[in-house]
Amino acid sequence: MALLNYRDLLAEQPIQEKDLAGDAEIIDDGPTGAIAVEYRRCGDESCHCMTGDEKHGPYNYRAKWEDGAVKKEYLAKTE
């Protein structure tokens, strides 16, 4: 019987909100990874988002375990 290593075990675990950054919210979960929504600050000191106002977004990502870490893939907006 082959022993599974840590990365293999993680790859079988579903992504949870605690595995994602900040205020990300999982909106769907499936065999190819979780779909998460994030709102982000852009980093421009003159932007409204840096003064506590609304962040930019929503941005949709597919998140999955890969090589022992959560990897995110941006999902483009659809019309």
C-alpha atoms as a PDB file:
ATOM      1  CA  MET A   1       0.000   0.000   0.000  1.00  0.00           C
ATOM      2  CA  ALA A   2       1.457   3.296  -1.071  1.00  0.00           C
ATOM      3  CA  LEU A   3       1.594   6.106   1.437  1.00  0.00           C
ATOM      4  CA  LEU A   4       0.061   9.385   0.369  1.00  0.00           C
ATOM      5  CA  ASN A   5       2.198  12.434   0.927  1.00  0.00           C
ATOM      6  CA  TYR A   6       0.965  15.717   2.405  1.00  0.00           C
ATOM      7  CA  ARG A   7       0.421  17.371  -0.999  1.00  0.00           C
ATOM      8  CA  ASP A   8      -1.705  14.472  -2.200  1.00  0.00           C
ATOM      9  CA  LEU A   9      -3.837  14.695   0.930  1.00  0.00           C
ATOM     10  CA  LEU A  10      -4.330  18.451   0.480  1.00  0.00           C
ATOM     11  CA  ALA A  11      -5.300  18.018  -3.163  1.00  0.00           C
ATOM     12  CA  GLU A  12      -8.194  15.833  -2.030  1.00  0.00           C
ATOM     13  CA  GLN A  13      -9.441  18.396   0.508  1.00  0.00           C
ATOM     14  CA  PRO A  14     -12.043  20.977  -0.499  1.00  0.00           C
ATOM     15  CA  ILE A  15     -11.035  24.636  -0.408  1.00  0.00           C
ATOM     16  CA  GLN A  16     -12.497  26.483   2.567  1.00  0.00           C
ATOM     17  CA  GLU A  17     -12.895  30.225   3.070  1.00  0.00           C
ATOM     18  CA  LYS A  18     -10.200  30.112   5.767  1.00  0.00           C
ATOM     19  CA  ASP A  19      -7.762  28.904   3.059  1.00  0.00           C
ATOM     20  CA  LEU A  20      -8.363  32.065   0.993  1.00  0.00           C
ATOM     21  CA  ALA A  21      -7.285  35.650   1.500  1.00  0.00           C
ATOM     22  CA  GLY A  22      -9.164  38.217   3.544  1.00  0.00           C
ATOM     23  CA  ASP A  23     -12.835  38.586   2.741  1.00  0.00           C
ATOM     24  CA  ALA A  24     -13.063  36.022  -0.084  1.00  0.00           C
ATOM     25  CA  GLU A  25     -16.355  34.152  -0.198  1.00  0.00           C
ATOM     26  CA  ILE A  26     -16.871  30.755  -1.801  1.00  0.00           C
ATOM     27  CA  ILE A  27     -19.956  30.790  -4.031  1.00  0.00           C
ATOM     28  CA  ASP A  28     -19.634  27.325  -5.623  1.00  0.00           C
ATOM     29  CA  ASP A  29     -17.582  24.198  -5.098  1.00  0.00           C
ATOM     30  CA  GLY A  30     -16.978  21.455  -7.606  1.00  0.00           C
ATOM     31  CA  PRO A  31     -14.530  18.842  -8.844  1.00  0.00           C
ATOM     32  CA  THR A  32     -12.285  21.429 -10.551  1.00  0.00           C
ATOM     33  CA  GLY A  33     -12.029  23.676  -7.470  1.00  0.00           C
ATOM     34  CA  ALA A  34     -13.989  26.262  -5.570  1.00  0.00           C
ATOM     35  CA  ILE A  35     -15.331  29.428  -7.187  1.00  0.00           C
ATOM     36  CA  ALA A  36     -14.649  32.394  -4.925  1.00  0.00           C
ATOM     37  CA  VAL A  37     -15.507  36.094  -5.063  1.00  0.00           C
ATOM     38  CA  GLU A  38     -13.075  38.733  -3.816  1.00  0.00           C
ATOM     39  CA  TYR A  39     -13.111  42.487  -3.455  1.00  0.00           C
ATOM     40  CA  ARG A  40      -9.654  44.048  -3.508  1.00  0.00           C
ATOM     41  CA  ARG A  41      -7.721  47.241  -2.903  1.00  0.00           C
ATOM     42  CA  CYS A  42      -5.671  48.382  -5.914  1.00  0.00           C
ATOM     43  CA  GLY A  43      -2.715  49.854  -4.033  1.00  0.00           C
ATOM     44  CA  ASP A  44      -2.985  53.346  -5.550  1.00  0.00           C
ATOM     45  CA  GLU A  45      -2.717  55.654  -2.528  1.00  0.00           C
ATOM     46  CA  SER A  46      -4.977  58.248  -4.213  1.00  0.00           C
ATOM     47  CA  CYS A  47      -7.778  55.737  -4.868  1.00  0.00           C
ATOM     48  CA  HIS A  48     -10.982  55.682  -2.823  1.00  0.00           C
ATOM     49  CA  CYS A  49     -10.426  52.033  -1.932  1.00  0.00           C
ATOM     50  CA  MET A  50      -7.344  52.874   0.131  1.00  0.00           C
ATOM     51  CA  THR A  51      -9.233  55.244   2.435  1.00  0.00           C
ATOM     52  CA  GLY A  52     -11.684  52.651   3.700  1.00  0.00           C
ATOM     53  CA  ASP A  53     -14.293  53.136   0.986  1.00  0.00           C
ATOM     54  CA  GLU A  54     -15.547  50.255  -1.141  1.00  0.00           C
ATOM     55  CA  LYS A  55     -12.965  47.916  -2.595  1.00  0.00           C
ATOM     56  CA  HIS A  56     -12.833  47.067  -6.301  1.00  0.00           C
ATOM     57  CA  GLY A  57     -14.676  44.014  -7.585  1.00  0.00           C
ATOM     58  CA  PRO A  58     -16.245  41.590  -7.488  1.00  0.00           C
ATOM     59  CA  TYR A  59     -13.508  39.390  -8.978  1.00  0.00           C
ATOM     60  CA  ASN A  60     -14.251  35.711  -9.531  1.00  0.00           C
ATOM     61  CA  TYR A  61     -11.544  33.086  -9.097  1.00  0.00           C
ATOM     62  CA  ARG A  62     -11.267  29.322  -9.264  1.00  0.00           C
ATOM     63  CA  ALA A  63      -9.218  28.136  -6.284  1.00  0.00           C
ATOM     64  CA  LYS A  64      -7.673  24.685  -5.908  1.00  0.00           C
ATOM     65  CA  TRP A  65      -4.872  22.934  -4.082  1.00  0.00           C
ATOM     66  CA  GLU A  66      -1.710  22.553  -6.167  1.00  0.00           C
ATOM     67  CA  ASP A  67       1.733  21.553  -4.868  1.00  0.00           C
ATOM     68  CA  GLY A  68       0.636  22.044  -1.260  1.00  0.00           C
ATOM     69  CA  ALA A  69      -0.679  25.593  -1.728  1.00  0.00           C
ATOM     70  CA  VAL A  70      -3.904  27.228  -2.847  1.00  0.00           C
ATOM     71  CA  LYS A  71      -3.606  28.413  -6.439  1.00  0.00           C
ATOM     72  CA  LYS A  72      -6.088  30.904  -7.888  1.00  0.00           C
ATOM     73  CA  GLU A  73      -7.120  31.347 -11.511  1.00  0.00           C
ATOM     74  CA  TYR A  74      -8.955  34.538 -12.488  1.00  0.00           C
ATOM     75  CA  LEU A  75     -12.267  33.906 -14.232  1.00  0.00           C
ATOM     76  CA  ALA A  76     -12.985  36.687 -16.721  1.00  0.00           C
ATOM     77  CA  LYS A  77     -16.302  38.479 -16.559  1.00  0.00           C
ATOM     78  CA  THR A  78     -18.906  37.282 -19.010  1.00  0.00           C
ATOM     79  CA  GLU A  79     -21.472  39.510 -20.643  1.00  0.00           C
END
